[in-house]
Protein backbone atom coordinates (compact mmCIF):
# COMPACT_ATOMS: atom_id res chain seq x y z
CA MET A 1 18.93 -1.81 -9.28
CA GLU A 2 17.24 -4.68 -10.94
CA HIS A 3 13.81 -5.60 -10.19
CA TYR A 4 13.47 -9.39 -9.08
CA THR A 5 10.32 -11.35 -8.53
CA ILE A 6 9.11 -13.74 -6.28
CA LYS A 7 8.90 -16.58 -8.70
CA ASP A 8 13.10 -15.63 -9.83
CA THR A 9 13.90 -15.52 -6.03
CA LEU A 10 12.71 -18.67 -5.28
CA ASN A 11 13.98 -20.70 -8.62
CA SER A 12 17.54 -19.14 -7.71
CA PHE A 13 17.22 -20.96 -4.40
CA LYS A 14 17.03 -24.11 -5.80
CA ASP A 15 19.85 -23.74 -7.99
CA LYS A 16 22.13 -26.21 -7.10
CA THR A 17 25.49 -25.06 -8.38
CA GLU A 18 28.19 -23.92 -6.43
CA ASN A 19 27.69 -19.89 -7.20
CA LYS A 20 23.96 -20.46 -6.31
CA LEU A 21 22.25 -17.59 -4.38
CA THR A 22 21.20 -17.94 -0.73
CA SER A 23 18.44 -15.61 1.03
CA ARG A 24 21.51 -14.68 3.22
CA THR A 25 23.71 -13.50 0.16
CA LEU A 26 20.67 -11.59 -1.07
CA VAL A 27 19.66 -10.07 1.86
CA GLU A 28 23.32 -8.81 2.64
CA LYS A 29 23.58 -7.38 -0.80
CA LYS A 30 20.37 -5.43 0.03
CA ALA A 31 21.28 -4.24 3.46
CA ALA A 32 25.00 -3.06 1.72
CA ALA A 33 23.07 -1.54 -0.99
CA PHE A 34 20.95 0.67 2.04
CA GLU A 35 24.17 1.13 3.51
CA GLU A 36 25.66 2.69 0.50
CA ASP A 37 22.63 4.51 -0.50
CA LYS A 38 22.37 6.46 2.77
CA LYS A 39 25.85 8.21 1.73
CA SER A 40 24.76 9.26 -1.49
CA ALA A 41 24.00 12.89 -2.39
CA ALA A 42 20.05 12.55 -2.55
CA PRO A 43 19.30 9.40 -0.63
CA LEU A 44 16.33 7.25 -1.62
CA ASN A 45 15.18 6.85 2.22
CA ALA A 46 12.81 4.48 1.63
CA PHE A 47 13.97 2.08 4.55
CA LEU A 48 14.02 3.49 7.88
CA GLU A 49 16.23 0.91 8.99
CA ILE A 50 17.43 -2.72 7.77
CA TYR A 51 16.79 -5.35 10.76
CA SER A 52 20.19 -6.42 12.11
CA ASP A 53 18.61 -9.94 12.72
CA ALA A 54 17.51 -10.22 8.80
CA PRO A 55 21.28 -12.15 7.91
CA ASP A 56 20.39 -14.58 10.05
CA ASN A 57 17.04 -14.91 9.82
CA ALA A 58 17.92 -15.44 6.11
CA GLN A 59 20.55 -17.76 6.83
CA LYS A 60 18.14 -20.23 9.05
CA CYS A 61 16.01 -20.20 6.19
CA ASP A 62 19.14 -21.81 3.57
CA GLU A 63 19.78 -23.93 6.55
CA GLU A 64 16.52 -25.61 6.82
CA ARG A 65 15.78 -25.24 2.90
CA GLU A 66 19.46 -27.39 2.43
CA THR A 67 18.32 -30.16 5.22
CA ALA A 68 15.34 -30.81 3.37
CA ARG A 69 16.85 -30.97 -0.03
CA THR A 70 19.24 -33.46 1.33
CA ALA A 71 16.42 -35.55 3.20
CA GLY A 72 14.30 -35.40 0.01
CA THR A 73 11.62 -33.72 1.29
CA LEU A 74 12.49 -30.03 -0.42
CA ASP A 75 8.70 -29.95 -1.94
CA GLU A 76 7.00 -30.68 0.88
CA LEU A 77 8.71 -28.08 2.75
CA LEU A 78 8.02 -25.45 0.03
CA THR A 79 4.50 -26.31 -0.17
CA LYS A 80 4.40 -25.54 3.91
CA LYS A 81 7.06 -22.47 3.25
CA PRO A 82 6.01 -21.11 -0.05
CA LEU A 83 8.07 -17.89 0.94
CA LEU A 84 11.15 -19.67 2.35
CA GLY A 85 13.64 -17.29 2.81
CA VAL A 86 12.10 -14.57 0.23
CA PRO A 87 12.63 -10.87 1.88
CA PHE A 88 9.78 -8.24 2.37
CA ALA A 89 9.68 -5.02 3.77
CA VAL A 90 7.31 -3.50 6.28
CA LYS A 91 5.49 -0.18 6.70
CA ASP A 92 6.92 1.82 9.94
CA ASN A 93 3.36 1.31 10.96
CA ILE A 94 2.79 -2.27 11.45
CA SER A 95 4.41 -3.93 13.84
CA VAL A 96 7.27 -6.94 14.24
CA LYS A 97 7.81 -7.98 17.63
CA GLY A 98 11.01 -6.62 19.31
CA LYS A 99 11.61 -3.96 16.46
CA THR A 100 11.20 -0.15 16.72
CA HIS A 101 7.77 1.02 16.03
CA THR A 102 7.41 4.79 15.35
CA CYS A 103 4.91 5.61 12.22
CA GLY A 104 7.45 7.72 10.81
CA SER A 105 6.90 9.93 13.74
CA HIS A 106 8.88 11.48 17.07
CA ILE A 107 6.26 11.12 19.31
CA LEU A 108 7.22 7.13 19.08
CA GLU A 109 10.76 7.24 19.21
CA GLY A 110 12.18 4.28 21.46
CA TYR A 111 9.19 2.68 21.61
CA THR A 112 9.20 -1.13 20.60
CA ALA A 113 6.73 -3.78 19.51
CA PRO A 114 5.81 -5.91 21.76
CA TYR A 115 4.51 -8.33 19.73
CA SER A 116 3.84 -8.54 15.47
CA ALA A 117 1.18 -7.76 13.42
CA THR A 118 -1.30 -11.36 12.38
CA VAL A 119 0.25 -10.18 8.75
CA ILE A 120 3.71 -10.32 9.80
CA ARG A 121 3.57 -13.83 11.52
CA ARG A 122 1.54 -15.45 8.97
CA LEU A 123 4.32 -14.13 6.01
CA VAL A 124 6.94 -15.46 8.90
CA ASP A 125 5.47 -18.72 9.24
CA ALA A 126 5.42 -18.85 5.76
CA GLY A 127 9.10 -18.55 5.54
CA ALA A 128 9.47 -14.76 4.56
CA VAL A 129 11.90 -12.60 6.02
CA PRO A 130 11.31 -8.96 7.36
CA LEU A 131 14.03 -7.13 5.74
CA GLY A 132 13.34 -3.99 7.30
CA ARG A 133 11.04 -0.97 8.02
CA CYS A 134 9.94 1.56 5.47
CA ASN A 135 9.48 5.38 5.44
CA GLN A 136 5.59 6.73 5.84
CA ASP A 137 3.89 9.95 6.36
CA GLU A 138 3.70 10.41 9.89
CA PHE A 139 0.94 8.09 11.34
CA ALA A 140 -0.04 7.49 7.29
CA MET A 141 -1.16 10.80 7.00
CA GLY A 142 -0.15 12.45 3.87
CA SER A 143 0.35 11.77 -0.04
CA SER A 144 3.82 11.93 -0.75
CA THR A 145 5.72 10.64 2.28
CA GLU A 146 6.99 13.98 2.66
CA TYR A 147 5.54 14.50 6.31
CA SER A 148 7.95 12.08 8.13
CA ALA A 149 9.58 12.75 10.78
CA TYR A 150 12.53 11.30 9.32
CA GLY A 151 12.80 13.19 5.86
CA PRO A 152 10.67 12.26 2.31
CA THR A 153 11.53 9.69 0.43
CA ARG A 154 12.24 10.15 -3.03
CA ASN A 155 11.20 8.56 -6.14
CA PRO A 156 13.26 5.85 -7.55
CA VAL A 157 12.75 7.03 -10.75
CA ASN A 158 13.62 10.63 -10.55
CA ARG A 159 14.74 11.70 -7.28
CA ASP A 160 13.70 15.23 -7.50
CA TYR A 161 9.75 13.63 -7.15
CA VAL A 162 7.87 12.58 -4.18
CA SER A 163 7.36 8.71 -4.24
CA GLY A 164 3.64 9.37 -2.89
CA GLY A 165 2.08 8.42 0.33
CA SER A 166 1.66 7.54 2.80
CA SER A 167 3.54 4.20 1.96
CA GLY A 168 5.89 5.57 -0.38
CA GLY A 169 8.67 3.58 1.73
CA SER A 170 7.48 0.45 0.74
CA ALA A 171 6.58 1.32 -2.63
CA ALA A 172 10.21 2.96 -3.29
CA ALA A 173 11.55 -0.22 -2.05
CA VAL A 174 9.96 -2.37 -4.41
CA ALA A 175 10.45 -0.03 -7.38
CA SER A 176 14.43 0.44 -6.68
CA GLY A 177 14.67 -3.81 -6.47
CA MET A 178 15.32 -3.93 -2.75
CA VAL A 179 12.50 -6.44 -2.44
CA PRO A 180 10.06 -8.20 -4.31
CA PHE A 181 7.24 -7.54 -2.45
CA ALA A 182 6.19 -5.19 0.78
CA LEU A 183 3.67 -4.19 2.76
CA GLY A 184 1.92 -0.93 3.12
CA THR A 185 -1.58 0.45 4.32
CA GLU A 186 -4.17 2.41 3.11
CA THR A 187 -6.83 5.13 4.74
CA GLY A 188 -7.53 6.49 1.11
CA GLY A 189 -5.54 5.62 -1.06
CA SER A 190 -1.79 5.27 0.68
CA VAL A 191 -0.86 2.08 -1.52
CA ARG A 192 -2.43 2.49 -5.00
CA LEU A 193 -0.88 6.06 -4.61
CA PRO A 194 2.26 5.63 -4.48
CA ALA A 195 2.29 2.46 -6.28
CA SER A 196 1.26 4.93 -9.24
CA TYR A 197 4.04 7.40 -8.92
CA CYS A 198 6.85 4.61 -8.39
CA GLY A 199 5.59 2.46 -11.17
CA VAL A 200 4.78 -0.86 -9.83
CA TYR A 201 1.46 -2.47 -8.58
CA GLY A 202 -0.11 -2.21 -5.37
CA LEU A 203 -3.36 -4.01 -4.12
CA LYS A 204 -5.82 -2.53 -1.71
CA PRO A 205 -8.11 -5.39 -0.74
CA THR A 206 -11.61 -5.89 0.43
CA TYR A 207 -11.70 -4.12 3.73
CA GLY A 208 -11.25 -6.89 6.40
CA LEU A 209 -10.15 -9.53 4.18
CA LEU A 210 -6.08 -8.89 5.71
CA SER A 211 -6.23 -8.59 10.13
CA ARG A 212 -5.55 -5.29 11.02
CA ASN A 213 -4.01 -6.74 14.54
CA GLY A 214 -0.87 -4.98 15.22
CA VAL A 215 -1.52 -2.30 12.70
CA THR A 216 -1.63 1.48 14.31
CA ALA A 217 -4.92 2.99 13.26
CA PHE A 218 -5.39 6.19 11.68
CA GLY A 219 -9.04 5.73 10.22
CA SER A 220 -10.38 2.40 11.92
CA SER A 221 -13.21 2.14 9.55
CA LEU A 222 -11.22 2.60 6.39
CA ASP A 223 -7.71 1.59 7.49
CA GLN A 224 -6.64 -1.74 5.37
CA VAL A 225 -3.22 -3.40 4.93
CA GLY A 226 -2.16 -3.66 0.86
CA VAL A 227 0.43 -4.83 -1.05
CA PHE A 228 3.30 -4.06 -3.43
CA GLY A 229 5.04 -5.83 -6.18
CA SER A 230 6.96 -5.68 -9.23
CA SER A 231 3.94 -8.08 -10.74
CA PRO A 232 0.47 -9.32 -10.10
CA ALA A 233 1.63 -12.63 -9.26
CA ASP A 234 4.30 -10.95 -6.51
CA ILE A 235 1.25 -9.64 -4.86
CA ALA A 236 -1.15 -12.81 -4.90
CA LEU A 237 1.22 -15.37 -3.20
CA PRO A 238 1.59 -13.04 -0.21
CA LEU A 239 -2.11 -11.99 0.04
CA SER A 240 -2.76 -15.73 -0.21
CA ILE A 241 -0.79 -16.49 2.90
CA MET A 242 -2.35 -13.46 4.73
CA ALA A 243 -5.77 -13.54 3.81
CA GLY A 244 -8.50 -14.48 6.30
CA LYS A 245 -10.19 -14.36 9.76
CA ASP A 246 -8.02 -13.42 12.55
CA SER A 247 -9.15 -13.65 16.45
CA TYR A 248 -7.40 -10.73 17.47
CA ASP A 249 -9.60 -8.59 14.97
CA ASP A 250 -13.16 -8.85 15.28
CA THR A 251 -13.38 -6.86 11.78
CA SER A 252 -11.65 -9.70 9.81
CA CYS A 253 -13.55 -12.20 7.53
CA ASP A 254 -12.15 -14.87 5.48
CA LEU A 255 -12.93 -15.19 1.88
CA PRO A 256 -16.39 -16.82 0.42
CA SER A 257 -16.34 -19.90 -0.85
CA GLY A 258 -15.55 -19.41 -4.88
CA CYS A 259 -13.55 -15.88 -4.06
CA GLU A 260 -10.13 -17.69 -3.14
CA ILE A 261 -6.93 -16.51 -4.12
CA ASN A 262 -4.94 -18.21 -6.76
CA PRO A 263 -1.22 -17.57 -5.58
CA GLU A 264 -0.31 -19.00 -8.95
CA CYS A 265 -2.02 -15.76 -10.43
CA PRO A 266 -2.97 -16.87 -13.88
CA ALA A 267 -3.94 -14.33 -16.44
CA LEU A 268 -7.41 -14.35 -18.09
CA ASN A 269 -8.04 -16.64 -20.87
CA ASP A 270 -9.62 -14.98 -24.02
CA GLU A 271 -13.27 -16.01 -23.03
CA LYS A 272 -13.28 -14.65 -19.55
CA PHE A 273 -11.51 -11.47 -20.96
CA ALA A 274 -14.07 -10.78 -23.88
CA SER A 275 -16.89 -11.25 -20.99
CA LEU A 276 -15.49 -8.56 -19.05
CA LYS A 277 -17.75 -5.46 -18.56
CA ILE A 278 -16.21 -2.31 -17.42
CA ALA A 279 -17.47 0.95 -16.31
CA VAL A 280 -15.82 4.11 -16.47
CA PRO A 281 -17.11 6.82 -14.06
CA ARG A 282 -17.79 10.08 -16.16
CA GLN A 283 -17.22 11.97 -12.54
CA PHE A 284 -13.30 10.86 -13.17
CA ALA A 285 -12.79 10.77 -16.91
CA GLN A 286 -13.56 14.42 -17.21
CA ALA A 287 -12.57 15.52 -14.08
CA GLU A 288 -11.38 19.10 -13.68
CA GLY A 289 -7.51 19.04 -12.64
CA LEU A 290 -7.00 15.45 -14.67
CA ASP A 291 -3.36 15.73 -16.11
CA ALA A 292 -2.94 15.70 -20.14
CA GLU A 293 -0.87 13.07 -19.97
CA VAL A 294 -2.51 10.79 -18.02
CA ALA A 295 -5.83 11.35 -19.42
CA SER A 296 -3.78 10.05 -22.75
CA ILE A 297 -2.34 6.94 -21.05
CA PHE A 298 -5.82 6.48 -19.76
CA GLU A 299 -7.58 6.35 -23.14
CA LYS A 300 -4.62 3.79 -24.06
CA VAL A 301 -5.42 1.55 -21.71
CA GLN A 302 -9.39 1.44 -22.23
CA SER A 303 -8.10 0.68 -25.86
CA TRP A 304 -6.02 -2.23 -25.48
CA PHE A 305 -9.48 -3.39 -23.25
CA LYS A 306 -11.48 -2.97 -26.25
CA GLU A 307 -9.17 -4.60 -28.50
CA ARG A 308 -9.12 -7.61 -26.50
CA GLY A 309 -12.84 -7.62 -26.62
CA ALA A 310 -13.96 -6.25 -23.29
CA SER A 311 -16.93 -3.54 -23.27
CA ILE A 312 -16.46 -0.54 -21.55
CA GLU A 313 -19.14 2.22 -20.87
CA LEU A 314 -19.32 5.84 -19.82
CA VAL A 315 -21.28 5.98 -16.59
CA ASP A 316 -22.51 8.82 -13.91
CA ILE A 317 -22.16 8.44 -10.44
CA PRO A 318 -22.69 11.56 -9.10
CA VAL A 319 -22.04 10.77 -5.37
CA LEU A 320 -18.30 10.31 -6.09
CA GLU A 321 -18.18 14.18 -6.30
CA ALA A 322 -18.52 13.91 -2.79
CA SER A 323 -16.37 11.01 -2.07
CA ILE A 324 -13.12 13.38 -1.13
CA ALA A 325 -15.41 15.81 1.27
CA SER A 326 -17.15 12.63 2.81
CA TYR A 327 -13.89 10.52 3.11
CA TYR A 328 -11.88 13.52 5.13
CA VAL A 329 -14.70 14.39 7.81
CA ILE A 330 -14.72 10.53 8.44
CA ALA A 331 -10.84 10.38 8.41
CA LEU A 332 -9.98 12.93 10.33
CA SER A 333 -12.47 12.61 12.85
CA GLU A 334 -11.62 8.48 13.52
CA ALA A 335 -7.96 9.87 13.47
CA ALA A 336 -8.23 12.53 16.42
CA SER A 337 -10.13 9.58 17.88
CA ASN A 338 -7.32 7.46 17.79
CA LEU A 339 -4.08 9.58 18.16
CA SER A 340 -5.58 10.48 21.93
CA ARG A 341 -4.20 7.42 23.17
CA PHE A 342 -0.88 8.82 22.54
CA ASP A 343 -0.30 10.97 25.47
CA GLY A 344 3.46 10.53 26.40
CA ILE A 345 2.15 8.31 29.65
CA ARG A 346 1.50 4.51 28.29
CA TYR A 347 4.18 4.69 25.40
CA GLY A 348 6.57 6.36 23.32
CA ASN A 349 8.56 9.49 23.62
CA ARG A 350 7.59 11.40 27.09
CA LYS A 351 8.19 15.20 27.32
CA ASP A 352 7.90 15.67 31.60
CA SER A 353 8.39 19.17 33.03
CA GLY A 354 7.07 18.00 36.17
CA ASP A 355 4.42 20.50 35.98
CA GLY A 356 1.57 17.58 36.37
CA TYR A 357 -0.20 15.70 33.71
CA GLU A 358 -1.82 18.19 31.54
CA GLU A 359 1.23 19.81 30.70
CA LEU A 360 2.93 16.00 30.27
CA PHE A 361 0.33 16.32 27.69
CA ILE A 362 0.47 18.89 26.04
CA LYS A 363 4.56 19.62 25.79
CA THR A 364 4.73 16.00 24.56
CA ARG A 365 1.94 16.21 22.05
CA SER A 366 3.10 19.58 20.92
CA GLU A 367 6.97 18.29 20.61
CA GLY A 368 5.98 14.70 18.95
CA PHE A 369 3.42 15.83 16.37
CA GLY A 370 4.27 16.95 13.20
CA ALA A 371 2.41 19.99 11.63
CA GLU A 372 -0.10 17.98 9.39
CA VAL A 373 -0.89 15.41 12.27
CA LYS A 374 -1.80 18.09 14.31
CA ARG A 375 -3.81 19.73 11.61
CA ARG A 376 -5.99 16.82 11.49
CA ILE A 377 -6.64 16.16 14.96
CA VAL A 378 -7.66 19.72 15.42
CA ILE A 379 -9.88 19.61 12.44
CA GLY A 380 -11.08 16.13 13.51
CA ASN A 381 -12.05 17.07 17.16
CA TYR A 382 -13.64 19.98 15.34
CA VAL A 383 -15.65 17.84 13.40
CA LEU A 384 -17.04 15.99 16.61
CA SER A 385 -16.97 18.91 19.03
CA ASP A 386 -19.89 19.65 21.25
CA GLN A 387 -20.54 22.71 18.77
CA PHE A 388 -21.73 20.45 15.94
CA SER A 389 -22.49 17.45 18.13
CA GLY A 390 -21.26 15.24 15.23
CA THR A 391 -23.52 16.71 12.73
CA TYR A 392 -20.44 16.57 10.11
CA TYR A 393 -19.64 13.04 10.67
CA ARG A 394 -23.01 11.35 10.79
CA ARG A 395 -23.87 13.33 7.51
CA ALA A 396 -20.39 12.45 6.32
CA MET A 397 -21.61 8.86 7.25
CA GLY A 398 -24.51 8.98 4.93
CA VAL A 399 -23.17 10.21 2.10
CA ARG A 400 -20.78 7.01 2.34
CA ALA A 401 -23.90 4.45 2.70
CA ARG A 402 -24.87 5.52 -0.23
CA ILE A 403 -21.32 5.43 -1.85
CA GLN A 404 -21.73 1.74 -0.90
CA ARG A 405 -24.86 1.05 -2.07
CA GLU A 406 -24.55 3.22 -5.42
CA ILE A 407 -21.26 1.29 -5.83
CA THR A 408 -22.72 -2.12 -4.97
CA ALA A 409 -25.54 -1.83 -7.26
CA LEU A 410 -23.05 -0.81 -10.44
CA TYR A 411 -21.02 -3.80 -9.85
CA LYS A 412 -23.96 -5.79 -10.53
CA SER A 413 -24.16 -4.57 -14.10
CA TYR A 414 -20.32 -4.09 -14.44
CA SER A 415 -17.28 -6.65 -13.72
CA CYS A 416 -14.92 -3.64 -12.81
CA ILE A 417 -14.69 0.15 -12.71
CA LEU A 418 -11.60 1.38 -14.67
CA CYS A 419 -10.05 5.07 -14.12
CA PRO A 420 -6.57 6.95 -13.35
CA THR A 421 -4.97 6.00 -10.01
CA SER A 422 -3.92 9.50 -9.47
CA PRO A 423 -4.82 12.99 -11.34
CA THR A 424 -1.34 13.61 -11.94
CA PRO A 425 1.79 11.89 -12.07
CA ALA A 426 4.21 12.34 -8.99
CA PHE A 427 5.11 15.97 -8.30
CA LYS A 428 8.30 17.49 -7.13
CA LEU A 429 9.63 17.40 -3.40
CA GLY A 430 7.92 20.55 -1.81
CA GLN A 431 5.56 21.56 -4.25
CA LYS A 432 2.57 20.46 -2.21
CA THR A 433 3.51 20.74 1.42
CA GLU A 434 2.22 24.22 2.04
CA ASP A 435 -1.06 23.71 0.10
CA PRO A 436 -2.72 20.57 2.09
CA VAL A 437 -5.88 21.24 -0.20
CA ALA A 438 -3.90 20.37 -3.49
CA MET A 439 -2.42 17.49 -1.46
CA TYR A 440 -5.59 16.04 -0.43
CA LEU A 441 -7.01 16.16 -3.79
CA SER A 442 -4.00 13.54 -5.08
CA ASP A 443 -6.71 11.11 -3.50
CA MET A 444 -9.55 12.30 -5.24
CA PHE A 445 -9.78 8.88 -7.43
CA THR A 446 -8.99 6.66 -4.76
CA VAL A 447 -11.21 7.25 -1.94
CA PHE A 448 -14.30 5.58 -3.00
CA VAL A 449 -12.89 2.21 -2.80
CA ASN A 450 -11.96 2.63 0.55
CA LEU A 451 -15.61 4.32 1.71
CA SER A 452 -17.22 1.05 -0.23
CA ARG A 453 -15.01 -1.38 1.47
CA THR A 454 -14.05 -2.59 -2.09
CA ALA A 455 -10.64 -3.91 -3.83
CA SER A 456 -8.69 -2.06 -6.44
CA ILE A 457 -5.29 -2.69 -7.82
CA ASN A 458 -3.01 -0.12 -9.47
CA VAL A 459 -1.00 -0.87 -12.87
CA PRO A 460 2.16 0.59 -14.14
CA ALA A 461 0.32 2.03 -17.54
CA GLY A 462 3.25 4.33 -18.97
CA THR A 463 5.14 7.22 -18.63
CA THR A 464 5.10 10.96 -19.13
CA LYS A 465 7.31 12.47 -21.59
CA ASN A 466 9.40 13.30 -18.48
CA GLY A 467 9.73 9.68 -18.00
CA LEU A 468 7.67 10.08 -14.49
CA PRO A 469 5.31 6.57 -14.23
CA VAL A 470 1.32 6.95 -14.54
CA GLY A 471 -0.62 4.49 -12.99
CA ILE A 472 -4.42 3.14 -13.81
CA GLN A 473 -6.42 1.51 -11.20
CA PHE A 474 -9.00 -1.49 -11.72
CA ALA A 475 -11.38 -1.45 -9.30
CA GLY A 476 -13.85 -4.48 -8.41
CA PRO A 477 -16.85 -5.56 -5.62
CA MET A 478 -16.06 -6.92 -2.16
CA PHE A 479 -13.91 -10.10 -2.31
CA SER A 480 -12.97 -9.85 -6.08
CA GLU A 481 -9.13 -9.65 -5.48
CA ASN A 482 -8.58 -13.20 -7.56
CA ARG A 483 -10.62 -11.56 -10.85
CA LEU A 484 -8.39 -8.25 -10.11
CA LEU A 485 -5.35 -10.00 -9.97
CA SER A 486 -5.90 -12.06 -13.09
CA THR A 487 -7.07 -9.38 -14.87
CA ALA A 488 -3.82 -7.17 -13.84
CA GLN A 489 -1.71 -10.45 -14.62
CA SER A 490 -3.19 -10.00 -18.18
CA TRP A 491 -2.18 -6.77 -18.45
CA TYR A 492 1.39 -7.76 -17.02
CA CYS A 493 1.62 -10.40 -19.61
CA GLY A 494 1.33 -7.86 -22.53
CA HIS A 495 2.98 -5.18 -21.10
CA SER A 496 6.00 -6.37 -19.12
CA GLY A 497 8.38 -4.87 -21.67
CA ASN A 498 6.79 -2.01 -21.74
CA GLU A 499 5.59 -0.52 -18.78
CA ARG A 500 8.03 2.17 -18.37
CA ASN A 501 8.04 3.44 -22.18
CA GLY A 502 4.60 4.78 -22.65
CA ASP A 503 3.29 2.65 -25.27
CA VAL A 504 0.51 0.35 -24.95
CA LYS A 505 0.48 -2.06 -27.24
């Protein structure tokens, strides 16, 4: 399916010819494509559903646009609603009022969100149209979107391979051309990893920049809403609309003065680009398990930066070797705590045999949760048990604090960190589902960003000999989204025709 950007979409809506594109026409076209794909031998399964009211909501946008055009106030309207009529996709753990919200789990079957997440409200107020909810690993626990209760999402590039996770559905929706941008969530790489596997851009913002109100929690101190797009500009505009303090989320914050996000997302000029000082962690560049083709593409990316005048240095950050262990202790401990609320009483699926609360609790959770979620709950509760008195969790938090200090100190000398997003390209469906440790190691290059609460963006950097996308990430300090997006835009401008052919010129 043909890719389209937000800018292309908005320009098409402005067309005054008889056969101009309307928002309703676009939404209905995508809904028809979804229905047709469901009949195929290997459905993409990016969306779990297309919202039934999406065409009508799109129609309202068309009518609002035409009314303003007639009145001569269209420019004023588009200033207030810069995404008027543009469809977007929503990960299944982000609430949309009146819509099914399952987090990819049987335990939430039949649950309808009573309100919309803050990020959704801000996008809708800006004129965007929620097209549908996307598949994900159950409760965002996974790296391949194979742990969904509703089947795996396949990679649009090659449907024998995974799309990455846990936001694989959102990444596949953008990569397949269903939407120009989509929302996902990150706890340890769940936006950047599928962005890498599917060959799209994916941003993990600074912790707190986007409100988590209305987003089902996995690891509360790590979770963050992220954005997928076919270009950096397709991330910048929605991000600028969603960003900022929310009274419903005490962890949310405004951007500091001077760090505001430019929705136009200009590329860095030559002078600013040449002033970039980039760090490459030795622990990642020489990591055991780094695929040879990924390493080769990474070398080409470094050469591209050097050719344009940026400086690159190999740096030692030994604490990164403990990032995976620290991350999983913290994430699983917080997951066990957060998921305790799913008891079959307050909301979602309920399995009541009439034998009392304890049996209701056990039966509901035993039948409602999948194997991977159960595994993480058990490990998380073990770590937090009286036997250990939280010792492992406290140690992991100590490692995290050191990672934060060392990464913060590094950014005083360097503009950004450059490293692969994943040690390997996408793997085949079923290849790692029985090997959870191998699955966990997919996040080995991404979790340091979540632990340090900083920002990072995946850029499509090339493809393997088999045609599978490979992503490289540009990571920066807290509130560096504007510079990261502009750096990524510089890459995009130089490679927009070559992102999928493996050549770095």
